């Protein structure tokens, strides 16, 4: 069940617009660097599944940049599904499927999506518990096609250490609302991915102290 959290302006806060779309300033800021960083991992042809697509701003940017890939956005919240659908209708992109409702922190979805070549998600793991994050990774490992990639973007602690005052404050604000939330350790998440049979490929430093963690499924 999605949590209702009081998030700072630097987080993935979305505000409604008159046409039914939601607009997230953070998505507007990070769409370009994320789209560029995905280049080594997007299959030239194949299926990409975006977990927690949010407002829909990201998937439009991805689909425009990588038109030979078929994109499937997902969300748990109906208002965000409606927002994604509105962005897609405006963009009129032939390589994006209609958004579907999916809670990736619950067991079982990995066997229901069909084989996918890329799974990606942004700014989610710090908003779920460690247990939920591990469910997400283990299900993603099941859904990936051979040699498929899992890409996770967001704020992480570095082996348990927070590296800026802003990160310390944001992490504390999340844990004050729910002790199970907060930044996950990059090394712990990488190790859990490996325990699911995935191979760590590379970690990419991103703007604003964020990371791009990546894995590949075995052949």
N, C-alpha and C. Protein backbone atom coordinates (compact mmCIF):
# COMPACT_ATOMS: atom_id res chain seq x y z
N UNK A 1 0.85 -1.19 0.00
CA UNK A 1 0.00 0.00 0.00
C UNK A 1 0.89 1.24 0.00
N UNK A 2 0.63 2.22 -0.91
CA UNK A 2 1.49 3.41 -0.96
C UNK A 2 1.38 4.23 0.31
N UNK A 3 2.50 4.76 0.76
CA UNK A 3 2.52 5.59 1.95
C UNK A 3 2.30 7.05 1.58
N UNK A 4 1.63 7.78 2.44
CA UNK A 4 1.47 9.22 2.26
C UNK A 4 2.52 9.91 3.12
N UNK A 5 3.55 10.44 2.48
CA UNK A 5 4.68 11.00 3.20
C UNK A 5 4.76 12.50 2.95
N UNK A 6 5.28 13.20 3.94
CA UNK A 6 5.59 14.61 3.77
C UNK A 6 7.02 14.73 3.27
N UNK A 7 7.17 15.01 1.98
CA UNK A 7 8.48 15.01 1.36
C UNK A 7 8.93 16.43 1.09
N UNK A 8 10.24 16.69 1.20
CA UNK A 8 10.76 18.02 0.88
C UNK A 8 10.68 18.30 -0.61
N UNK A 9 10.91 19.56 -0.99
CA UNK A 9 10.82 19.95 -2.39
C UNK A 9 11.83 19.21 -3.26
N UNK A 10 12.93 18.74 -2.68
CA UNK A 10 13.95 18.04 -3.45
C UNK A 10 13.53 16.63 -3.82
N UNK A 11 12.46 16.13 -3.22
CA UNK A 11 12.01 14.76 -3.48
C UNK A 11 11.08 14.74 -4.69
N UNK A 12 10.55 13.53 -4.97
CA UNK A 12 9.70 13.37 -6.14
C UNK A 12 8.27 13.81 -5.85
N UNK A 13 8.10 15.08 -5.50
CA UNK A 13 6.79 15.64 -5.24
C UNK A 13 6.16 16.03 -6.57
N UNK A 14 4.88 15.69 -6.76
CA UNK A 14 4.18 16.00 -8.00
C UNK A 14 2.99 16.88 -7.70
N UNK A 15 2.80 17.91 -8.51
CA UNK A 15 1.67 18.81 -8.35
C UNK A 15 0.74 18.69 -9.55
N UNK A 16 -0.57 18.78 -9.31
CA UNK A 16 -1.53 18.63 -10.41
C UNK A 16 -1.55 19.85 -11.32
N UNK A 17 -1.77 19.60 -12.63
CA UNK A 17 -1.95 20.66 -13.59
C UNK A 17 -3.39 20.61 -14.11
N UNK A 18 -3.79 21.64 -14.81
CA UNK A 18 -5.19 21.79 -15.19
C UNK A 18 -5.68 20.66 -16.10
N UNK A 19 -4.80 20.07 -16.89
CA UNK A 19 -5.21 19.05 -17.84
C UNK A 19 -5.22 17.64 -17.26
N UNK A 20 -5.00 17.52 -15.96
CA UNK A 20 -4.99 16.21 -15.32
C UNK A 20 -3.62 15.59 -15.17
N UNK A 21 -2.63 16.20 -15.82
CA UNK A 21 -1.26 15.72 -15.65
C UNK A 21 -0.74 16.12 -14.27
N UNK A 22 0.22 15.35 -13.80
CA UNK A 22 0.99 15.72 -12.62
C UNK A 22 2.38 16.14 -13.08
N UNK A 23 2.93 17.14 -12.41
CA UNK A 23 4.26 17.63 -12.79
C UNK A 23 5.18 17.53 -11.59
N UNK A 24 6.31 16.85 -11.78
CA UNK A 24 7.32 16.70 -10.74
C UNK A 24 8.57 17.48 -11.15
N UNK A 25 8.92 18.53 -10.40
CA UNK A 25 10.13 19.30 -10.75
C UNK A 25 11.38 18.43 -10.79
N UNK A 26 11.47 17.44 -9.88
CA UNK A 26 12.66 16.59 -9.88
C UNK A 26 12.75 15.77 -11.16
N UNK A 27 11.60 15.31 -11.68
CA UNK A 27 11.61 14.56 -12.94
C UNK A 27 12.03 15.45 -14.10
N UNK A 28 11.60 16.71 -14.07
CA UNK A 28 12.01 17.64 -15.11
C UNK A 28 13.52 17.86 -15.07
N UNK A 29 14.08 17.90 -13.85
CA UNK A 29 15.52 18.13 -13.72
C UNK A 29 16.35 16.93 -14.15
N UNK A 30 15.90 15.74 -13.79
CA UNK A 30 16.78 14.59 -13.99
C UNK A 30 16.46 13.77 -15.23
N UNK A 31 15.43 14.14 -16.00
CA UNK A 31 15.09 13.35 -17.19
C UNK A 31 16.25 13.29 -18.19
N UNK A 32 16.88 14.43 -18.46
CA UNK A 32 17.95 14.44 -19.45
C UNK A 32 19.17 13.63 -19.01
N UNK A 33 19.71 13.85 -17.79
CA UNK A 33 20.86 13.02 -17.40
C UNK A 33 20.52 11.54 -17.27
N UNK A 34 19.31 11.22 -16.85
CA UNK A 34 18.91 9.82 -16.76
C UNK A 34 18.82 9.20 -18.15
N UNK A 35 18.21 9.90 -19.07
CA UNK A 35 18.05 9.36 -20.42
C UNK A 35 19.42 9.08 -21.05
N UNK A 36 20.36 9.98 -20.85
CA UNK A 36 21.71 9.77 -21.39
C UNK A 36 22.40 8.60 -20.70
N UNK A 37 22.25 8.51 -19.37
CA UNK A 37 22.93 7.45 -18.63
C UNK A 37 22.40 6.06 -18.98
N UNK A 38 21.17 5.99 -19.47
CA UNK A 38 20.58 4.69 -19.81
C UNK A 38 21.12 4.09 -21.11
N UNK A 39 21.82 4.90 -21.89
CA UNK A 39 22.22 4.46 -23.23
C UNK A 39 22.89 3.08 -23.27
N UNK A 40 23.82 2.74 -22.35
CA UNK A 40 24.46 1.42 -22.45
C UNK A 40 23.54 0.25 -22.10
N UNK A 41 22.38 0.53 -21.51
CA UNK A 41 21.54 -0.53 -20.97
C UNK A 41 20.24 -0.75 -21.73
N UNK A 42 19.86 0.20 -22.57
CA UNK A 42 18.60 0.07 -23.31
C UNK A 42 18.80 -0.88 -24.48
N UNK A 43 17.97 -1.91 -24.58
CA UNK A 43 18.11 -2.84 -25.71
C UNK A 43 17.76 -2.14 -27.02
N UNK A 44 18.55 -2.34 -28.08
CA UNK A 44 18.24 -1.69 -29.36
C UNK A 44 16.86 -2.08 -29.87
N UNK A 45 16.46 -3.28 -29.56
CA UNK A 45 15.08 -3.73 -29.78
C UNK A 45 14.73 -4.60 -28.59
N UNK A 46 13.50 -4.56 -28.17
CA UNK A 46 13.11 -5.37 -27.02
C UNK A 46 12.13 -4.62 -26.14
N UNK A 47 11.92 -5.16 -24.94
CA UNK A 47 10.92 -4.62 -24.02
C UNK A 47 11.58 -4.03 -22.79
N UNK A 48 11.13 -2.86 -22.40
CA UNK A 48 11.59 -2.20 -21.19
C UNK A 48 10.41 -1.95 -20.27
N UNK A 49 10.57 -2.33 -19.02
CA UNK A 49 9.53 -2.16 -18.00
C UNK A 49 9.99 -1.12 -17.00
N UNK A 50 9.23 -0.04 -16.87
CA UNK A 50 9.55 0.97 -15.87
C UNK A 50 8.68 0.76 -14.65
N UNK A 51 9.32 0.58 -13.50
CA UNK A 51 8.63 0.43 -12.23
C UNK A 51 8.39 1.81 -11.63
N UNK A 52 7.21 2.03 -11.09
CA UNK A 52 6.89 3.30 -10.43
C UNK A 52 7.18 4.48 -11.35
N UNK A 53 6.46 4.54 -12.46
CA UNK A 53 6.71 5.54 -13.49
C UNK A 53 6.35 6.95 -13.06
N UNK A 54 5.68 7.11 -11.95
CA UNK A 54 5.41 8.44 -11.43
C UNK A 54 4.45 9.23 -12.30
N UNK A 55 4.85 10.44 -12.67
CA UNK A 55 3.98 11.32 -13.43
C UNK A 55 3.85 10.92 -14.89
N UNK A 56 4.87 10.25 -15.42
CA UNK A 56 4.94 9.94 -16.85
C UNK A 56 5.97 10.74 -17.59
N UNK A 57 6.59 11.70 -16.92
CA UNK A 57 7.59 12.55 -17.58
C UNK A 57 8.80 11.73 -18.05
N UNK A 58 9.25 10.80 -17.22
CA UNK A 58 10.43 10.02 -17.57
C UNK A 58 10.18 9.13 -18.78
N UNK A 59 9.09 8.38 -18.76
CA UNK A 59 8.90 7.39 -19.82
C UNK A 59 8.73 8.07 -21.18
N UNK A 60 8.16 9.26 -21.21
CA UNK A 60 8.08 9.99 -22.47
C UNK A 60 9.48 10.32 -22.98
N UNK A 61 10.35 10.79 -22.10
CA UNK A 61 11.72 11.12 -22.50
C UNK A 61 12.46 9.87 -22.98
N UNK A 62 12.29 8.75 -22.26
CA UNK A 62 12.97 7.52 -22.66
C UNK A 62 12.49 7.05 -24.03
N UNK A 63 11.19 7.05 -24.22
CA UNK A 63 10.63 6.52 -25.47
C UNK A 63 11.01 7.39 -26.65
N UNK A 64 11.10 8.70 -26.44
CA UNK A 64 11.53 9.58 -27.52
C UNK A 64 13.00 9.36 -27.87
N UNK A 65 13.81 9.11 -26.86
CA UNK A 65 15.25 8.93 -27.09
C UNK A 65 15.58 7.55 -27.66
N UNK A 66 14.75 6.55 -27.33
CA UNK A 66 15.03 5.17 -27.75
C UNK A 66 13.78 4.60 -28.43
N UNK A 67 13.52 5.03 -29.67
CA UNK A 67 12.25 4.69 -30.33
C UNK A 67 12.13 3.24 -30.77
N UNK A 68 13.22 2.49 -30.81
CA UNK A 68 13.14 1.09 -31.24
C UNK A 68 12.84 0.14 -30.09
N UNK A 69 12.77 0.66 -28.89
CA UNK A 69 12.45 -0.14 -27.71
C UNK A 69 10.98 0.06 -27.34
N UNK A 70 10.32 -1.02 -26.94
CA UNK A 70 8.93 -0.95 -26.49
C UNK A 70 8.91 -0.72 -24.98
N UNK A 71 8.27 0.34 -24.54
CA UNK A 71 8.27 0.76 -23.15
C UNK A 71 6.93 0.46 -22.49
N UNK A 72 7.00 -0.08 -21.27
CA UNK A 72 5.80 -0.36 -20.48
C UNK A 72 5.88 0.38 -19.15
N UNK A 73 5.15 1.48 -18.99
CA UNK A 73 5.13 2.16 -17.70
C UNK A 73 4.18 1.46 -16.73
N UNK A 74 4.49 1.57 -15.44
CA UNK A 74 3.63 1.00 -14.40
C UNK A 74 3.55 1.98 -13.23
N UNK A 75 2.50 1.87 -12.47
CA UNK A 75 2.33 2.66 -11.25
C UNK A 75 1.35 1.94 -10.34
N UNK A 76 1.39 2.31 -9.06
CA UNK A 76 0.44 1.76 -8.11
C UNK A 76 -0.73 2.72 -7.89
N UNK A 77 -0.49 4.03 -8.02
CA UNK A 77 -1.50 5.03 -7.71
C UNK A 77 -2.28 5.40 -8.96
N UNK A 78 -3.61 5.42 -8.85
CA UNK A 78 -4.45 5.69 -10.01
C UNK A 78 -4.28 7.10 -10.54
N UNK A 79 -4.05 8.09 -9.67
CA UNK A 79 -3.88 9.44 -10.17
C UNK A 79 -2.62 9.55 -11.02
N UNK A 80 -1.61 8.76 -10.70
CA UNK A 80 -0.39 8.78 -11.50
C UNK A 80 -0.56 7.98 -12.79
N UNK A 81 -1.32 6.91 -12.75
CA UNK A 81 -1.64 6.20 -13.99
C UNK A 81 -2.36 7.13 -14.95
N UNK A 82 -3.30 7.91 -14.45
CA UNK A 82 -4.03 8.85 -15.30
C UNK A 82 -3.09 9.92 -15.85
N UNK A 83 -2.15 10.37 -15.02
CA UNK A 83 -1.18 11.37 -15.49
C UNK A 83 -0.30 10.80 -16.59
N UNK A 84 0.19 9.58 -16.39
CA UNK A 84 1.02 8.93 -17.42
C UNK A 84 0.24 8.85 -18.73
N UNK A 85 -1.01 8.41 -18.66
CA UNK A 85 -1.83 8.26 -19.86
C UNK A 85 -2.00 9.60 -20.58
N UNK A 86 -2.13 10.67 -19.83
CA UNK A 86 -2.29 11.99 -20.44
C UNK A 86 -1.01 12.43 -21.13
N UNK A 87 0.15 12.24 -20.47
CA UNK A 87 1.42 12.57 -21.12
C UNK A 87 1.60 11.76 -22.41
N UNK A 88 1.25 10.48 -22.36
CA UNK A 88 1.43 9.64 -23.54
C UNK A 88 0.49 10.05 -24.66
N UNK A 89 -0.73 10.43 -24.32
CA UNK A 89 -1.68 10.86 -25.35
C UNK A 89 -1.17 12.13 -26.04
N UNK A 90 -0.58 13.04 -25.26
CA UNK A 90 -0.03 14.26 -25.85
C UNK A 90 1.17 13.97 -26.74
N UNK A 91 2.02 13.06 -26.29
CA UNK A 91 3.26 12.77 -27.03
C UNK A 91 3.01 11.90 -28.25
N UNK A 92 1.94 11.10 -28.22
CA UNK A 92 1.56 10.23 -29.35
C UNK A 92 2.74 9.37 -29.80
N UNK A 93 3.27 8.59 -28.87
CA UNK A 93 4.43 7.74 -29.13
C UNK A 93 3.98 6.31 -29.43
N UNK A 94 4.39 5.75 -30.56
CA UNK A 94 3.94 4.40 -30.91
C UNK A 94 4.64 3.29 -30.13
N UNK A 95 5.72 3.62 -29.44
CA UNK A 95 6.51 2.59 -28.78
C UNK A 95 6.32 2.57 -27.26
N UNK A 96 5.19 3.08 -26.78
CA UNK A 96 4.87 3.02 -25.35
C UNK A 96 3.49 2.41 -25.17
N UNK A 97 3.41 1.40 -24.31
CA UNK A 97 2.14 0.77 -23.99
C UNK A 97 1.39 1.61 -22.96
N UNK A 98 0.09 1.41 -22.88
CA UNK A 98 -0.71 2.08 -21.86
C UNK A 98 -0.21 1.68 -20.47
N UNK A 99 -0.20 2.59 -19.51
CA UNK A 99 0.28 2.25 -18.16
C UNK A 99 -0.58 1.20 -17.50
N UNK A 100 0.06 0.34 -16.72
CA UNK A 100 -0.67 -0.69 -15.97
C UNK A 100 -0.41 -0.50 -14.48
N UNK A 101 -1.35 -0.97 -13.68
CA UNK A 101 -1.20 -0.85 -12.23
C UNK A 101 -0.36 -2.02 -11.72
N UNK A 102 0.68 -1.69 -10.98
CA UNK A 102 1.60 -2.70 -10.46
C UNK A 102 2.23 -2.21 -9.18
N UNK A 103 2.17 -3.03 -8.15
CA UNK A 103 2.91 -2.79 -6.91
C UNK A 103 4.10 -3.73 -6.90
N UNK A 104 5.26 -3.20 -7.21
CA UNK A 104 6.46 -4.04 -7.36
C UNK A 104 7.06 -4.46 -6.04
N UNK A 105 6.48 -4.03 -4.92
CA UNK A 105 6.98 -4.46 -3.61
C UNK A 105 6.21 -5.66 -3.08
N UNK A 106 5.29 -6.22 -3.88
CA UNK A 106 4.55 -7.40 -3.46
C UNK A 106 5.03 -8.61 -4.27
N UNK A 107 5.07 -9.78 -3.64
CA UNK A 107 5.58 -10.96 -4.35
C UNK A 107 4.67 -11.38 -5.50
N UNK A 108 5.29 -11.99 -6.52
CA UNK A 108 4.54 -12.64 -7.58
C UNK A 108 4.53 -11.93 -8.92
N UNK A 109 4.83 -10.64 -8.96
CA UNK A 109 4.68 -9.93 -10.22
C UNK A 109 5.73 -10.34 -11.25
N UNK A 110 6.88 -10.80 -10.79
CA UNK A 110 7.95 -11.14 -11.72
C UNK A 110 7.59 -12.27 -12.68
N UNK A 111 6.67 -13.13 -12.27
CA UNK A 111 6.25 -14.24 -13.13
C UNK A 111 5.08 -13.86 -14.02
N UNK A 112 4.58 -12.64 -13.88
CA UNK A 112 3.37 -12.23 -14.60
C UNK A 112 3.63 -11.22 -15.71
N UNK A 113 4.80 -10.62 -15.74
CA UNK A 113 5.06 -9.55 -16.71
C UNK A 113 5.50 -10.07 -18.07
N UNK A 114 5.89 -11.33 -18.16
CA UNK A 114 6.55 -11.79 -19.35
C UNK A 114 8.01 -11.37 -19.32
N UNK A 115 8.81 -11.97 -20.16
CA UNK A 115 10.24 -11.70 -20.16
C UNK A 115 10.53 -10.30 -20.70
N UNK A 116 11.33 -9.53 -19.95
CA UNK A 116 11.66 -8.16 -20.37
C UNK A 116 13.17 -7.98 -20.42
N UNK A 117 13.61 -7.09 -21.29
CA UNK A 117 15.04 -6.90 -21.53
C UNK A 117 15.65 -5.83 -20.64
N UNK A 118 14.82 -4.95 -20.10
CA UNK A 118 15.30 -3.88 -19.22
C UNK A 118 14.22 -3.59 -18.20
N UNK A 119 14.61 -3.52 -16.93
CA UNK A 119 13.74 -3.04 -15.87
C UNK A 119 14.44 -1.86 -15.23
N UNK A 120 13.72 -0.76 -15.08
CA UNK A 120 14.32 0.40 -14.45
C UNK A 120 13.32 1.07 -13.52
N UNK A 121 13.87 1.71 -12.50
CA UNK A 121 13.06 2.47 -11.57
C UNK A 121 13.88 3.62 -11.02
N UNK A 122 13.17 4.69 -10.65
CA UNK A 122 13.82 5.90 -10.17
C UNK A 122 13.18 6.35 -8.86
N UNK A 123 14.04 6.73 -7.92
CA UNK A 123 13.60 7.39 -6.69
C UNK A 123 12.50 6.63 -5.95
N UNK A 124 12.74 5.34 -5.73
CA UNK A 124 11.74 4.54 -5.03
C UNK A 124 12.29 3.86 -3.78
N UNK A 125 13.50 3.33 -3.83
CA UNK A 125 13.95 2.45 -2.75
C UNK A 125 14.00 3.14 -1.40
N UNK A 126 14.28 4.44 -1.35
CA UNK A 126 14.32 5.13 -0.06
C UNK A 126 12.91 5.35 0.51
N UNK A 127 11.89 5.11 -0.31
CA UNK A 127 10.51 5.30 0.13
C UNK A 127 9.81 3.99 0.48
N UNK A 128 10.55 2.89 0.50
CA UNK A 128 10.01 1.59 0.90
C UNK A 128 10.95 0.97 1.93
N UNK A 129 10.48 -0.09 2.57
CA UNK A 129 11.30 -0.76 3.57
C UNK A 129 12.38 -1.62 2.91
N UNK A 130 13.34 -2.06 3.69
CA UNK A 130 14.37 -2.95 3.17
C UNK A 130 13.75 -4.24 2.64
N UNK A 131 12.78 -4.78 3.37
CA UNK A 131 12.11 -6.01 2.93
C UNK A 131 11.41 -5.79 1.60
N UNK A 132 10.71 -4.68 1.45
CA UNK A 132 10.03 -4.39 0.19
C UNK A 132 11.03 -4.20 -0.94
N UNK A 133 12.15 -3.55 -0.66
CA UNK A 133 13.18 -3.38 -1.68
C UNK A 133 13.72 -4.73 -2.14
N UNK A 134 13.89 -5.65 -1.21
CA UNK A 134 14.41 -6.97 -1.57
C UNK A 134 13.39 -7.76 -2.38
N UNK A 135 12.11 -7.64 -2.06
CA UNK A 135 11.08 -8.27 -2.88
C UNK A 135 11.15 -7.73 -4.30
N UNK A 136 11.28 -6.43 -4.43
CA UNK A 136 11.34 -5.81 -5.75
C UNK A 136 12.51 -6.37 -6.56
N UNK A 137 13.68 -6.45 -5.94
CA UNK A 137 14.84 -6.96 -6.67
C UNK A 137 14.68 -8.43 -7.04
N UNK A 138 14.18 -9.23 -6.13
CA UNK A 138 14.06 -10.66 -6.42
C UNK A 138 13.03 -10.91 -7.52
N UNK A 139 11.94 -10.14 -7.53
CA UNK A 139 10.94 -10.29 -8.59
C UNK A 139 11.48 -9.78 -9.92
N UNK A 140 12.23 -8.69 -9.89
CA UNK A 140 12.83 -8.18 -11.12
C UNK A 140 13.78 -9.21 -11.73
N UNK A 141 14.54 -9.88 -10.88
CA UNK A 141 15.45 -10.91 -11.39
C UNK A 141 14.69 -12.01 -12.12
N UNK A 142 13.50 -12.34 -11.63
CA UNK A 142 12.69 -13.37 -12.28
C UNK A 142 12.15 -12.89 -13.63
N UNK A 143 11.85 -11.60 -13.72
CA UNK A 143 11.22 -11.06 -14.93
C UNK A 143 12.21 -10.80 -16.06
N UNK A 144 13.50 -10.66 -15.74
CA UNK A 144 14.48 -10.30 -16.76
C UNK A 144 14.75 -11.44 -17.74
N UNK A 145 14.84 -11.08 -19.00
CA UNK A 145 15.29 -12.03 -20.02
C UNK A 145 16.77 -12.30 -19.84
N UNK A 146 17.29 -13.40 -20.40
CA UNK A 146 18.74 -13.63 -20.35
C UNK A 146 19.50 -12.42 -20.89
N UNK A 147 20.51 -11.99 -20.14
CA UNK A 147 21.34 -10.83 -20.45
C UNK A 147 20.58 -9.51 -20.30
N UNK A 148 19.37 -9.56 -19.76
CA UNK A 148 18.62 -8.34 -19.51
C UNK A 148 19.23 -7.54 -18.38
N UNK A 149 18.91 -6.25 -18.32
CA UNK A 149 19.51 -5.34 -17.34
C UNK A 149 18.48 -4.81 -16.35
N UNK A 150 18.91 -4.67 -15.11
CA UNK A 150 18.15 -3.98 -14.07
C UNK A 150 18.91 -2.70 -13.72
N UNK A 151 18.21 -1.57 -13.75
CA UNK A 151 18.82 -0.27 -13.49
C UNK A 151 18.00 0.45 -12.44
N UNK A 152 18.65 0.84 -11.35
CA UNK A 152 17.97 1.53 -10.25
C UNK A 152 18.68 2.86 -10.00
N UNK A 153 17.89 3.93 -10.04
CA UNK A 153 18.41 5.28 -9.83
C UNK A 153 17.84 5.86 -8.55
N UNK A 154 18.65 6.61 -7.83
CA UNK A 154 18.14 7.31 -6.67
C UNK A 154 19.23 7.62 -5.67
N UNK A 155 18.83 8.12 -4.50
CA UNK A 155 19.78 8.41 -3.43
C UNK A 155 20.09 7.15 -2.63
N UNK A 156 21.36 6.95 -2.32
CA UNK A 156 21.80 5.81 -1.53
C UNK A 156 22.85 6.28 -0.53
N UNK A 157 22.96 5.56 0.57
CA UNK A 157 24.13 5.74 1.41
C UNK A 157 25.29 4.99 0.78
N UNK A 158 26.49 5.45 1.06
CA UNK A 158 27.68 4.78 0.53
C UNK A 158 28.19 3.82 1.59
N UNK A 159 27.84 2.55 1.38
CA UNK A 159 28.20 1.51 2.35
C UNK A 159 27.73 1.90 3.75
N UNK A 160 26.52 2.47 3.83
CA UNK A 160 25.93 2.84 5.11
C UNK A 160 26.17 4.26 5.55
N UNK A 161 27.01 5.02 4.83
CA UNK A 161 27.34 6.39 5.23
C UNK A 161 26.65 7.38 4.31
N UNK A 162 26.05 8.41 4.90
CA UNK A 162 25.43 9.49 4.14
C UNK A 162 26.48 10.57 3.89
N UNK A 163 26.52 11.10 2.67
CA UNK A 163 27.69 11.89 2.27
C UNK A 163 27.43 13.39 2.21
N UNK A 164 26.23 13.85 2.53
CA UNK A 164 25.99 15.29 2.53
C UNK A 164 24.98 15.64 3.61
N UNK A 165 24.97 16.90 4.02
CA UNK A 165 24.00 17.35 5.02
C UNK A 165 22.57 17.19 4.50
N UNK A 166 22.37 17.46 3.20
CA UNK A 166 21.04 17.30 2.63
C UNK A 166 20.57 15.87 2.70
N UNK A 167 21.46 14.92 2.42
CA UNK A 167 21.10 13.50 2.51
C UNK A 167 20.77 13.11 3.95
N UNK A 168 21.57 13.59 4.90
CA UNK A 168 21.32 13.29 6.32
C UNK A 168 19.95 13.79 6.74
N UNK A 169 19.60 15.02 6.34
CA UNK A 169 18.32 15.60 6.72
C UNK A 169 17.15 14.88 6.06
N UNK A 170 17.29 14.56 4.78
CA UNK A 170 16.21 13.88 4.06
C UNK A 170 15.99 12.49 4.64
N UNK A 171 17.07 11.75 4.85
CA UNK A 171 16.97 10.41 5.43
C UNK A 171 16.30 10.47 6.80
N UNK A 172 16.69 11.43 7.62
CA UNK A 172 16.09 11.56 8.96
C UNK A 172 14.61 11.89 8.88
N UNK A 173 14.22 12.73 7.91
CA UNK A 173 12.81 13.09 7.79
C UNK A 173 11.96 11.88 7.40
N UNK A 174 12.52 11.00 6.58
CA UNK A 174 11.80 9.79 6.20
C UNK A 174 11.68 8.83 7.39
N UNK A 175 12.77 8.64 8.12
CA UNK A 175 12.76 7.71 9.24
C UNK A 175 11.89 8.22 10.39
N UNK A 176 11.75 9.55 10.51
CA UNK A 176 10.85 10.10 11.53
C UNK A 176 9.40 9.73 11.24
N UNK A 177 9.06 9.62 9.96
CA UNK A 177 7.70 9.26 9.58
C UNK A 177 7.46 7.76 9.63
N UNK A 178 8.50 6.99 9.32
CA UNK A 178 8.41 5.53 9.33
C UNK A 178 9.82 4.99 9.48
N UNK A 179 10.15 4.36 10.60
CA UNK A 179 11.53 3.89 10.82
C UNK A 179 12.02 2.89 9.78
N UNK A 180 11.12 2.27 9.03
CA UNK A 180 11.54 1.29 8.03
C UNK A 180 11.97 1.94 6.71
N UNK A 181 11.71 3.23 6.57
CA UNK A 181 12.08 3.92 5.34
C UNK A 181 13.48 4.50 5.46
N UNK A 182 13.91 5.18 4.40
CA UNK A 182 15.21 5.83 4.42
C UNK A 182 16.16 5.27 3.39
N UNK A 183 17.32 5.91 3.29
CA UNK A 183 18.31 5.54 2.30
C UNK A 183 18.77 4.10 2.52
N UNK A 184 18.92 3.38 1.42
CA UNK A 184 19.48 2.03 1.47
C UNK A 184 20.97 2.11 1.15
N UNK A 185 21.72 1.18 1.70
CA UNK A 185 23.15 1.10 1.43
C UNK A 185 23.38 0.59 0.01
N UNK A 186 24.20 1.30 -0.75
CA UNK A 186 24.47 0.85 -2.12
C UNK A 186 25.09 -0.54 -2.13
N UNK A 187 26.02 -0.79 -1.22
CA UNK A 187 26.69 -2.10 -1.22
C UNK A 187 25.74 -3.22 -0.80
N UNK A 188 24.84 -2.93 0.14
CA UNK A 188 23.88 -3.95 0.56
C UNK A 188 22.90 -4.28 -0.56
N UNK A 189 22.43 -3.26 -1.28
CA UNK A 189 21.51 -3.50 -2.39
C UNK A 189 22.22 -4.24 -3.52
N UNK A 190 23.47 -3.87 -3.81
CA UNK A 190 24.22 -4.58 -4.84
C UNK A 190 24.41 -6.04 -4.47
N UNK A 191 24.73 -6.30 -3.21
CA UNK A 191 24.95 -7.67 -2.76
C UNK A 191 23.65 -8.48 -2.83
N UNK A 192 22.53 -7.85 -2.47
CA UNK A 192 21.27 -8.59 -2.55
C UNK A 192 20.93 -8.91 -4.00
N UNK A 193 21.19 -7.98 -4.91
CA UNK A 193 20.97 -8.28 -6.32
C UNK A 193 21.78 -9.48 -6.78
N UNK A 194 23.02 -9.56 -6.33
CA UNK A 194 23.85 -10.72 -6.68
C UNK A 194 23.29 -12.00 -6.10
N UNK A 195 22.72 -11.93 -4.89
CA UNK A 195 22.14 -13.12 -4.28
C UNK A 195 20.91 -13.62 -5.06
N UNK A 196 20.35 -12.75 -5.88
CA UNK A 196 19.22 -13.13 -6.72
C UNK A 196 19.67 -13.67 -8.07
N UNK A 197 20.96 -13.81 -8.26
CA UNK A 197 21.49 -14.35 -9.50
C UNK A 197 21.87 -13.30 -10.52
N UNK A 198 21.83 -12.03 -10.15
CA UNK A 198 22.22 -10.96 -11.06
C UNK A 198 23.70 -10.63 -10.89
N UNK A 199 24.28 -10.07 -11.93
CA UNK A 199 25.70 -9.70 -11.91
C UNK A 199 25.81 -8.18 -11.91
N UNK A 200 26.50 -7.63 -10.90
CA UNK A 200 26.74 -6.18 -10.90
C UNK A 200 27.56 -5.81 -12.13
N UNK A 201 27.13 -4.77 -12.83
CA UNK A 201 27.89 -4.33 -13.99
C UNK A 201 28.65 -3.04 -13.68
N UNK A 202 27.95 -1.97 -13.37
CA UNK A 202 28.66 -0.75 -13.00
C UNK A 202 27.77 0.14 -12.14
N UNK A 203 28.42 1.04 -11.42
CA UNK A 203 27.73 2.07 -10.65
C UNK A 203 28.10 3.41 -11.25
N UNK A 204 27.08 4.21 -11.58
CA UNK A 204 27.30 5.49 -12.25
C UNK A 204 26.95 6.61 -11.27
N UNK A 205 27.89 7.52 -11.05
CA UNK A 205 27.61 8.70 -10.24
C UNK A 205 26.74 9.66 -11.04
N UNK A 206 25.66 10.12 -10.41
CA UNK A 206 24.72 11.01 -11.06
C UNK A 206 24.65 12.34 -10.32
N UNK A 207 24.04 13.37 -10.92
CA UNK A 207 23.93 14.66 -10.23
C UNK A 207 23.22 14.55 -8.89
N UNK A 208 23.50 15.52 -8.03
CA UNK A 208 22.85 15.65 -6.72
C UNK A 208 23.09 14.44 -5.82
N UNK A 209 24.27 13.85 -5.92
CA UNK A 209 24.69 12.72 -5.07
C UNK A 209 23.88 11.45 -5.29
N UNK A 210 23.18 11.35 -6.41
CA UNK A 210 22.45 10.13 -6.72
C UNK A 210 23.36 9.11 -7.41
N UNK A 211 22.89 7.87 -7.42
CA UNK A 211 23.62 6.78 -8.07
C UNK A 211 22.72 6.06 -9.06
N UNK A 212 23.34 5.45 -10.06
CA UNK A 212 22.69 4.52 -10.96
C UNK A 212 23.33 3.16 -10.71
N UNK A 213 22.59 2.25 -10.08
CA UNK A 213 23.08 0.89 -9.82
C UNK A 213 22.58 -0.03 -10.92
N UNK A 214 23.44 -0.86 -11.46
CA UNK A 214 23.05 -1.68 -12.60
C UNK A 214 23.50 -3.13 -12.41
N UNK A 215 22.68 -4.04 -12.93
CA UNK A 215 22.96 -5.46 -12.91
C UNK A 215 22.57 -6.05 -14.27
N UNK A 216 23.10 -7.25 -14.54
CA UNK A 216 22.71 -7.97 -15.74
C UNK A 216 22.37 -9.40 -15.35
N UNK A 217 21.29 -9.91 -15.98
CA UNK A 217 20.93 -11.31 -15.77
C UNK A 217 21.89 -12.20 -16.52
N UNK A 218 22.10 -13.39 -16.01
CA UNK A 218 23.00 -14.32 -16.68
C UNK A 218 22.35 -14.84 -17.95
N UNK A 219 23.18 -15.43 -18.79
CA UNK A 219 22.67 -15.98 -20.05
C UNK A 219 22.05 -17.37 -19.84
